[in-house]
Amino acid sequence: MRIAVVGAGIVGITTAHALHADGHAVTVFERHGSVASETSFANAGVIAPGYVTPWAAPGMLRKVLGQLWQRDAAVRLAALPVPALAGWLWRWQRACAPAGYLRRRAAMLALAQDSLSRTRALTRDLEIEYESARGMLVLLRGERELAQTRAGLKLLADAGVEFHVVDAARCRQIEPALGEAASLRAGIHLPDAEVGNCRQFALQLKNLLQERGVVFRLHHHVRQLVPGSDLELHATVPADTARAVQDVDPTVRERFDAAIVCAANGAPALLRPTRVRLPMQPVYGYSVTLPVRQFEAHPDIGPRAALMDERYKVAISRLGDRVRVAGSAELGGDPDRMRESALQTLYRVLDDWFPGAAASGQAQTWKGARPMLPDGPPAIGATGVPGLWLNTGHGSSGWALACGSARLVADLLAGRSPAVDPLAFSPLRWRR
């Protein structure tokens, strides 16, 4: 089949690989000049199946309301809700009921476990080399965090996720550079989790796919999908790019047997004319990436792998000779405005656990929009419109779910029985 993939973040790139592996002729459309340029650009990089969970959870509404005015709030409403955001919040609070949460969390965990094994197999088989490290340590500052975390450990045990509840001394054996000043009650060690440079992985996979015949149309902004006997795709190229790149037509119309929309926050507007309902909102996250300082007496004082501060929901990741600190969930507001208090929280958490480990004068700051559906799971599968498929809405778990999601949508398109139950991910659930 001739298949168009719309969007070249980590989900779009891995989807293109799964389709090409099935023998399809694949063309990838991306509005930017490179792949992994938005949500996939500077995320935390953590792939931890045990930590992939729906944002719509019992008690979450109370937690969010209790944090609204806190300086270090993990979740923040940045502006008064416009109608679309208000509708999303209404659906989200309805999805926080316990029964639905447990079912969706189990589905996301199963997909994350499948995705991790596929990511490792893909890395091995294609000999992809990227910055990565094995293991994740969840840091619990006090009794409150320990009690809250214990409630979710049974699900991990039932799903076969390896974890160990460890004391503060063992935490410092796992991560020897952990500072002594911050209060540390205990930790949860997930030895099978890992951290990896998502963008680096995506760039290498894109190059390999291009060598094998997958077509990448960068600087192509898909404006319209026209269903029919063949699905027609209309894309535009910026006038300055069309002039600068030889033989580029500023308007592109191509026909495909199918199109898979992997675009993130642009997906709802693209789908609206087709009457496909996708209640998605951007949830903004922040990250700071800094070089790890080196000292002759202590050649490496930074983290070894991945950590999560459970109180502040801040991840600390080791990426080669750099450390990345990522966190915050911001609803509404200006996508181009950096909130200084969010950045200061990241710096403060890093300094709590690894004081003096990073050269703060060389920081790269980033704010990215994570595409979130109100009930948590992404939308993966057929839309009900002939030839039109979705693989989008992964929220903050795109990297952790990418390879599994790609195989799921490819199997569904081929009419095969997938390895993961697709029901919780159906785009048709919004018809109800």
Protein backbone atom coordinates (compact mmCIF):
# COMPACT_ATOMS: atom_id res chain seq x y z
CA MET A 1 0.00 0.00 0.00
CA ARG A 2 0.96 3.65 -0.49
CA ILE A 3 0.80 5.18 2.98
CA ALA A 4 1.36 8.74 4.16
CA VAL A 5 2.58 9.40 7.70
CA VAL A 6 1.76 12.92 8.88
CA GLY A 7 4.23 14.12 11.50
CA ALA A 8 7.86 13.14 12.09
CA GLY A 9 8.22 13.15 15.84
CA ILE A 10 9.33 9.94 17.54
CA VAL A 11 5.85 8.43 17.03
CA GLY A 12 5.81 9.29 13.31
CA ILE A 13 9.34 8.01 12.71
CA THR A 14 8.72 4.67 14.45
CA THR A 15 5.38 4.33 12.64
CA ALA A 16 7.14 4.83 9.32
CA HIS A 17 9.59 2.08 10.29
CA ALA A 18 6.84 -0.39 11.24
CA LEU A 19 4.97 0.25 7.97
CA HIS A 20 8.12 -0.03 5.88
CA ALA A 21 8.99 -3.30 7.65
CA ASP A 22 5.57 -4.59 6.54
CA GLY A 23 6.42 -3.82 2.92
CA HIS A 24 4.44 -0.61 2.40
CA ALA A 25 5.60 2.37 0.33
CA VAL A 26 5.83 5.12 2.96
CA THR A 27 6.02 8.90 2.61
CA VAL A 28 6.49 11.01 5.75
CA PHE A 29 5.29 14.64 5.85
CA GLU A 30 6.76 17.06 8.38
CA ARG A 31 6.22 20.80 8.58
CA HIS A 32 9.63 21.48 10.13
CA GLY A 33 13.01 21.13 8.45
CA SER A 34 14.06 18.21 10.65
CA VAL A 35 12.49 15.32 12.53
CA ALA A 36 11.79 15.29 16.29
CA SER A 37 11.63 19.09 16.38
CA GLU A 38 8.74 19.65 18.81
CA THR A 39 7.56 17.36 21.63
CA SER A 40 10.36 14.87 20.92
CA PHE A 41 13.10 17.51 20.95
CA ALA A 42 14.21 17.77 24.60
CA ASN A 43 11.94 15.53 26.67
CA ALA A 44 13.09 13.72 29.82
CA GLY A 45 14.09 10.65 27.78
CA VAL A 46 12.76 8.17 30.35
CA ILE A 47 11.41 4.80 29.18
CA ALA A 48 9.92 3.28 32.32
CA PRO A 49 6.82 1.11 31.77
CA GLY A 50 6.01 1.19 35.47
CA TYR A 51 5.75 4.95 35.33
CA VAL A 52 3.45 5.18 32.29
CA THR A 53 0.04 5.98 33.71
CA PRO A 54 -3.09 7.96 32.78
CA TRP A 55 -3.13 11.52 34.01
CA ALA A 56 -6.84 11.03 34.77
CA ALA A 57 -6.52 9.23 38.10
CA PRO A 58 -8.58 9.01 41.29
CA GLY A 59 -7.83 11.96 43.56
CA MET A 60 -6.03 13.85 40.82
CA LEU A 61 -8.55 16.68 40.73
CA ARG A 62 -8.06 17.30 44.45
CA LYS A 63 -4.27 17.28 44.03
CA VAL A 64 -4.41 19.75 41.15
CA LEU A 65 -6.73 22.14 43.00
CA GLY A 66 -4.52 21.92 46.08
CA GLN A 67 -1.44 22.90 44.07
CA LEU A 68 -2.87 25.74 41.99
CA TRP A 69 -1.25 28.51 44.02
CA GLN A 70 1.96 26.72 45.01
CA ARG A 71 5.19 28.03 43.52
CA ASP A 72 6.54 24.52 42.87
CA ALA A 73 3.24 23.02 41.65
CA ALA A 74 3.72 20.00 39.40
CA VAL A 75 0.46 20.89 37.62
CA ARG A 76 -0.52 24.47 36.91
CA LEU A 77 -3.34 26.27 35.10
CA ALA A 78 -1.52 29.07 33.29
CA ALA A 79 -4.60 30.98 32.16
CA LEU A 80 -8.37 31.02 32.52
CA PRO A 81 -9.79 28.11 30.49
CA VAL A 82 -11.06 28.90 27.00
CA PRO A 83 -14.10 26.80 25.91
CA ALA A 84 -11.99 24.00 24.37
CA LEU A 85 -9.83 23.66 27.50
CA ALA A 86 -12.89 23.87 29.77
CA GLY A 87 -14.50 21.01 27.83
CA TRP A 88 -11.27 19.00 28.07
CA LEU A 89 -11.09 19.54 31.84
CA TRP A 90 -14.71 18.39 32.20
CA ARG A 91 -13.96 15.16 30.32
CA TRP A 92 -10.75 14.70 32.28
CA GLN A 93 -12.38 14.91 35.72
CA ARG A 94 -15.07 12.46 34.59
CA ALA A 95 -12.33 10.01 33.54
CA CYS A 96 -10.79 10.05 37.03
CA ALA A 97 -13.25 7.39 38.31
CA PRO A 98 -11.36 4.39 39.83
CA ALA A 99 -12.77 1.60 37.62
CA GLY A 100 -11.94 3.27 34.33
CA TYR A 101 -8.54 4.38 35.61
CA LEU A 102 -7.42 0.85 36.53
CA ARG A 103 -8.46 -0.50 33.13
CA ARG A 104 -6.69 2.27 31.23
CA ARG A 105 -3.56 2.08 33.34
CA ALA A 106 -3.29 -1.67 32.75
CA ALA A 107 -3.64 -1.10 28.99
CA MET A 108 -0.98 1.63 28.94
CA LEU A 109 1.38 -0.46 31.03
CA ALA A 110 1.00 -3.42 28.65
CA LEU A 111 1.72 -1.16 25.66
CA ALA A 112 4.72 0.37 27.43
CA GLN A 113 6.20 -3.05 28.21
CA ASP A 114 5.75 -4.14 24.61
CA SER A 115 7.25 -0.86 23.43
CA LEU A 116 10.36 -1.17 25.60
CA SER A 117 11.14 -4.63 24.24
CA ARG A 118 10.62 -3.41 20.67
CA THR A 119 12.80 -0.34 21.22
CA ARG A 120 15.64 -2.55 22.44
CA ALA A 121 15.20 -5.00 19.57
CA LEU A 122 15.17 -2.17 17.03
CA THR A 123 18.27 -0.62 18.58
CA ARG A 124 20.08 -3.95 18.43
CA ASP A 125 18.94 -5.05 14.96
CA LEU A 126 19.63 -1.70 13.26
CA GLU A 127 22.74 -1.00 15.35
CA ILE A 128 21.46 2.41 16.42
CA GLU A 129 23.87 4.16 18.78
CA TYR A 130 22.48 6.89 21.00
CA GLU A 131 23.01 8.23 24.50
CA SER A 132 21.34 5.83 26.92
CA ALA A 133 21.65 4.27 30.36
CA ARG A 134 19.81 1.51 32.21
CA GLY A 135 17.76 1.90 35.40
CA MET A 136 15.48 4.40 37.13
CA LEU A 137 15.29 5.44 40.77
CA VAL A 138 12.15 7.10 42.15
CA LEU A 139 13.14 9.33 45.08
CA LEU A 140 10.67 9.55 47.96
CA ARG A 141 11.37 12.53 50.22
CA GLY A 142 8.99 11.60 53.04
CA GLU A 143 6.35 9.26 54.43
CA ARG A 144 3.62 10.89 52.34
CA GLU A 145 5.33 10.00 49.05
CA LEU A 146 6.10 6.50 50.28
CA ALA A 147 2.46 5.89 51.24
CA GLN A 148 1.14 7.30 47.96
CA THR A 149 3.51 5.20 45.88
CA ARG A 150 2.75 1.93 47.66
CA ALA A 151 -0.82 2.08 46.38
CA GLY A 152 0.37 1.55 42.80
CA LEU A 153 2.99 -1.15 43.43
CA LYS A 154 0.51 -4.05 43.31
CA LEU A 155 -0.32 -3.28 39.69
CA LEU A 156 3.39 -3.32 38.82
CA ALA A 157 3.83 -6.65 40.59
CA ASP A 158 0.77 -8.12 38.85
CA ALA A 159 2.14 -6.96 35.48
CA GLY A 160 5.54 -8.50 36.12
CA VAL A 161 7.43 -5.19 36.35
CA GLU A 162 10.59 -5.67 38.38
CA PHE A 163 10.97 -3.12 41.18
CA HIS A 164 12.58 -2.88 44.60
CA VAL A 165 11.60 -0.61 47.48
CA VAL A 166 14.95 0.47 48.92
CA ASP A 167 16.11 2.60 51.84
CA ALA A 168 18.11 5.82 51.58
CA ALA A 169 21.45 4.02 51.97
CA ARG A 170 20.69 1.71 49.05
CA CYS A 171 19.55 4.72 46.95
CA ARG A 172 23.01 6.21 47.42
CA GLN A 173 24.65 2.95 46.39
CA ILE A 174 22.63 2.97 43.15
CA GLU A 175 23.36 6.68 42.58
CA PRO A 176 26.60 7.41 44.48
CA ALA A 177 26.58 11.14 43.70
CA LEU A 178 23.23 11.77 45.43
CA GLY A 179 23.51 14.75 47.79
CA GLU A 180 23.12 14.35 51.55
CA ALA A 181 21.31 17.62 52.28
CA ALA A 182 17.86 16.76 50.84
CA SER A 183 15.51 14.63 52.92
CA LEU A 184 15.31 11.09 51.51
CA ARG A 185 12.97 8.55 53.13
CA ALA A 186 13.22 5.75 50.54
CA GLY A 187 13.28 4.96 46.86
CA ILE A 188 11.82 2.62 44.27
CA HIS A 189 14.39 1.11 41.96
CA LEU A 190 13.22 0.03 38.49
CA PRO A 191 16.29 -1.77 37.11
CA ASP A 192 14.71 -2.62 33.75
CA ALA A 193 13.76 0.98 32.94
CA GLU A 194 16.11 3.17 30.97
CA VAL A 195 16.83 6.68 29.79
CA GLY A 196 17.75 7.57 26.22
CA ASN A 197 18.16 10.55 23.92
CA CYS A 198 14.86 10.49 22.04
CA ARG A 199 15.83 12.99 19.34
CA GLN A 200 19.17 11.29 18.70
CA PHE A 201 17.36 7.97 18.22
CA ALA A 202 14.81 9.56 15.87
CA LEU A 203 17.46 11.22 13.70
CA GLN A 204 19.39 7.98 13.27
CA LEU A 205 16.27 5.97 12.49
CA LYS A 206 15.19 8.59 9.94
CA ASN A 207 18.54 8.33 8.15
CA LEU A 208 18.32 4.54 8.02
CA LEU A 209 14.76 4.65 6.68
CA GLN A 210 15.72 7.18 4.03
CA GLU A 211 18.53 4.91 2.86
CA ARG A 212 15.97 2.10 2.52
CA GLY A 213 13.53 4.05 0.39
CA VAL A 214 11.18 5.83 2.79
CA VAL A 215 10.44 9.31 1.40
CA PHE A 216 10.66 12.28 3.78
CA ARG A 217 8.97 15.50 2.73
CA LEU A 218 10.33 18.04 5.22
CA HIS A 219 9.02 21.62 5.26
CA HIS A 220 5.67 20.20 4.10
CA HIS A 221 2.70 21.32 6.19
CA VAL A 222 -0.31 19.06 5.58
CA ARG A 223 -3.37 21.31 5.39
CA GLN A 224 -6.11 18.93 4.28
CA LEU A 225 -6.99 15.23 4.08
CA VAL A 226 -9.65 14.46 1.47
CA PRO A 227 -11.28 11.01 1.82
CA GLY A 228 -12.27 9.15 -1.31
CA SER A 229 -11.51 5.97 -3.22
CA ASP A 230 -7.93 7.11 -2.62
CA LEU A 231 -7.21 9.46 0.24
CA GLU A 232 -5.89 12.77 -1.10
CA LEU A 233 -3.42 14.79 0.91
CA HIS A 234 -2.87 18.52 0.39
CA ALA A 235 0.34 20.06 1.77
CA THR A 236 1.97 23.46 1.44
CA VAL A 237 5.62 24.46 1.49
CA PRO A 238 6.60 27.91 2.79
CA ALA A 239 7.35 30.26 -0.08
CA ASP A 240 10.89 30.99 1.09
CA THR A 241 11.65 27.27 1.38
CA ALA A 242 10.18 26.55 -2.04
CA ARG A 243 12.44 29.17 -3.57
CA ALA A 244 15.50 27.96 -1.68
CA VAL A 245 15.08 24.25 -2.44
CA GLN A 246 15.32 23.30 -6.08
CA ASP A 247 12.27 21.67 -7.66
CA VAL A 248 10.01 22.13 -4.63
CA ASP A 249 6.42 22.99 -5.54
CA PRO A 250 4.79 25.23 -2.90
CA THR A 251 1.55 23.24 -3.18
CA VAL A 252 1.51 19.45 -3.09
CA ARG A 253 -1.42 17.14 -3.81
CA GLU A 254 -0.82 13.41 -3.58
CA ARG A 255 -3.03 10.34 -3.38
CA PHE A 256 -2.45 7.47 -0.98
CA ASP A 257 -4.21 4.26 -0.04
CA ALA A 258 -4.10 5.36 3.60
CA ALA A 259 -2.80 8.12 5.85
CA ILE A 260 -1.76 7.80 9.48
CA VAL A 261 -1.88 11.06 11.42
CA CYS A 262 0.97 11.11 13.92
CA ALA A 263 1.06 14.89 14.19
CA ALA A 264 0.70 15.95 17.78
CA ASN A 265 -1.09 19.17 18.67
CA GLY A 266 -1.95 19.99 15.06
CA ALA A 267 -4.01 16.82 14.68
CA PRO A 268 -7.43 18.11 15.89
CA ALA A 269 -7.52 20.99 13.39
CA LEU A 270 -6.40 18.73 10.55
CA LEU A 271 -9.07 16.15 11.39
CA ARG A 272 -11.95 18.57 11.99
CA PRO A 273 -13.13 18.74 8.33
CA THR A 274 -13.31 14.93 8.26
CA ARG A 275 -15.65 15.04 11.32
CA VAL A 276 -13.22 12.95 13.38
CA ARG A 277 -13.56 14.03 16.99
CA LEU A 278 -10.27 14.28 18.92
CA PRO A 279 -10.50 16.21 22.22
CA MET A 280 -6.79 16.88 22.62
CA GLN A 281 -5.06 19.68 24.50
CA PRO A 282 -1.40 20.69 24.75
CA VAL A 283 0.07 20.22 28.22
CA TYR A 284 3.32 22.14 28.37
CA GLY A 285 6.43 20.70 29.95
CA TYR A 286 9.85 22.22 30.59
CA SER A 287 13.39 20.91 30.53
CA VAL A 288 16.88 22.22 31.21
CA THR A 289 19.91 20.43 29.75
CA LEU A 290 23.36 21.15 31.19
CA PRO A 291 26.88 19.71 30.85
CA VAL A 292 28.03 17.63 33.82
CA ARG A 293 30.98 19.24 35.57
CA GLN A 294 34.20 17.24 35.77
CA PHE A 295 36.69 17.42 38.65
CA GLU A 296 40.06 15.72 38.90
CA ALA A 297 39.32 14.30 42.36
CA HIS A 298 35.75 13.35 41.43
CA PRO A 299 35.65 12.76 37.66
CA ASP A 300 31.86 12.46 37.59
CA ILE A 301 29.51 13.94 40.19
CA GLY A 302 26.29 13.63 38.18
CA PRO A 303 23.59 10.96 37.93
CA ARG A 304 24.28 7.58 36.37
CA ALA A 305 20.87 6.95 34.78
CA ALA A 306 17.32 8.23 35.40
CA LEU A 307 15.71 9.52 38.58
CA MET A 308 12.27 10.88 39.46
CA ASP A 309 11.57 13.21 42.36
CA GLU A 310 8.11 11.97 43.33
CA ARG A 311 7.11 15.07 45.29
CA TYR A 312 7.78 17.57 42.49
CA LYS A 313 7.30 15.16 39.54
CA VAL A 314 10.69 16.20 38.17
CA ALA A 315 12.87 13.76 36.20
CA ILE A 316 16.68 13.90 36.21
CA SER A 317 18.25 12.06 33.27
CA ARG A 318 21.81 11.27 32.28
CA LEU A 319 22.45 11.77 28.55
CA GLY A 320 26.10 11.21 27.72
CA ASP A 321 28.13 14.02 29.27
CA ARG A 322 25.01 16.06 30.04
CA VAL A 323 22.20 16.01 32.56
CA ARG A 324 18.61 16.88 31.70
CA VAL A 325 16.04 18.00 34.27
CA ALA A 326 12.42 17.90 33.10
CA GLY A 327 9.03 18.48 34.65
CA SER A 328 5.91 20.62 35.05
CA ALA A 329 2.49 20.20 33.49
CA GLU A 330 1.08 23.54 32.39
CA LEU A 331 -2.41 23.91 30.93
CA GLY A 332 -3.26 26.95 28.84
CA GLY A 333 -1.18 30.08 28.45
CA ASP A 334 1.34 31.19 25.85
CA PRO A 335 3.34 28.35 24.22
CA ASP A 336 6.26 30.72 23.59
CA ARG A 337 6.50 32.15 27.12
CA MET A 338 8.88 30.44 29.54
CA ARG A 339 7.56 30.53 33.09
CA GLU A 340 10.55 31.39 35.27
CA SER A 341 9.15 29.69 38.38
CA ALA A 342 8.93 26.36 36.47
CA LEU A 343 12.58 26.62 35.42
CA GLN A 344 13.65 27.55 38.94
CA THR A 345 11.91 24.43 40.29
CA LEU A 346 13.96 22.29 37.90
CA TYR A 347 17.20 23.93 39.00
CA ARG A 348 16.26 23.61 42.67
CA VAL A 349 15.46 19.89 42.43
CA LEU A 350 18.72 19.23 40.57
CA ASP A 351 20.65 21.13 43.24
CA ASP A 352 18.89 19.19 46.00
CA TRP A 353 20.04 15.84 44.65
CA PHE A 354 23.23 16.67 42.74
CA PRO A 355 24.60 19.94 44.15
CA GLY A 356 27.22 21.53 41.92
CA ALA A 357 27.03 18.71 39.37
CA ALA A 358 26.12 20.83 36.35
CA ALA A 359 27.48 23.98 34.73
CA SER A 360 24.41 26.21 34.98
CA GLY A 361 25.91 28.93 32.75
CA GLN A 362 25.66 26.59 29.73
CA ALA A 363 22.03 25.57 30.09
CA GLN A 364 19.71 24.80 27.18
CA THR A 365 16.11 25.52 28.19
CA TRP A 366 13.07 24.10 26.40
CA LYS A 367 9.29 24.24 26.61
CA GLY A 368 7.33 21.64 24.70
CA ALA A 369 3.64 20.96 24.10
CA ARG A 370 2.66 17.38 24.93
CA PRO A 371 -0.57 16.25 23.19
CA MET A 372 -2.87 14.95 25.90
CA LEU A 373 -6.25 13.24 25.63
CA PRO A 374 -8.48 13.63 28.70
CA ASP A 375 -8.66 9.96 29.69
CA GLY A 376 -4.93 9.24 29.22
CA PRO A 377 -4.33 6.60 26.51
CA PRO A 378 -3.32 7.76 23.03
CA ALA A 379 -5.61 7.40 20.00
CA ILE A 380 -4.35 4.48 17.90
CA GLY A 381 -6.32 2.87 15.09
CA ALA A 382 -8.99 3.46 12.48
CA THR A 383 -11.12 6.61 12.57
CA GLY A 384 -14.16 5.32 10.71
CA VAL A 385 -13.19 7.49 7.71
CA PRO A 386 -11.95 5.22 4.89
CA GLY A 387 -8.15 5.23 4.72
CA LEU A 388 -7.67 7.54 7.71
CA TRP A 389 -5.84 6.25 10.80
CA LEU A 390 -4.47 7.80 13.99
CA ASN A 391 -1.40 7.31 16.16
CA THR A 392 -1.33 10.41 18.33
CA GLY A 393 -2.14 11.87 21.76
CA HIS A 394 0.63 10.17 23.75
CA GLY A 395 1.03 13.02 26.23
CA SER A 396 4.30 12.80 28.15
CA SER A 397 4.78 9.11 27.22
CA GLY A 398 5.47 9.36 23.49
CA TRP A 399 9.04 8.08 23.74
CA ALA A 400 8.03 5.30 26.13
CA LEU A 401 5.14 4.15 23.89
CA ALA A 402 6.46 4.93 20.39
CA CYS A 403 7.68 1.55 19.13
CA GLY A 404 4.75 -0.32 20.65
CA SER A 405 2.23 2.16 19.24
CA ALA A 406 3.83 1.92 15.80
CA ARG A 407 3.53 -1.85 15.73
CA LEU A 408 -0.04 -1.69 17.06
CA VAL A 409 -1.28 0.64 14.31
CA ALA A 410 0.63 -1.28 11.62
CA ASP A 411 -0.93 -4.57 12.76
CA LEU A 412 -4.43 -3.07 12.87
CA LEU A 413 -4.02 -1.63 9.39
CA ALA A 414 -2.88 -5.02 8.11
CA GLY A 415 -5.83 -6.79 9.74
CA ARG A 416 -3.56 -8.79 12.06
CA SER A 417 -4.28 -9.54 15.70
CA PRO A 418 -1.97 -7.20 17.65
CA ALA A 419 0.16 -8.15 20.65
CA VAL A 420 -1.66 -5.58 22.80
CA ASP A 421 -5.43 -5.25 23.23
CA PRO A 422 -6.33 -2.17 21.14
CA LEU A 423 -9.70 -1.38 22.77
CA ALA A 424 -8.47 1.26 25.25
CA PHE A 425 -6.69 3.12 22.43
CA SER A 426 -9.51 3.23 19.89
CA PRO A 427 -10.09 6.69 18.36
CA LEU A 428 -13.77 5.75 18.14
CA ARG A 429 -14.19 6.03 21.91
CA TRP A 430 -14.91 9.74 21.48
CA ARG A 431 -18.07 8.97 19.52
CA ARG A 432 -19.82 7.87 22.69
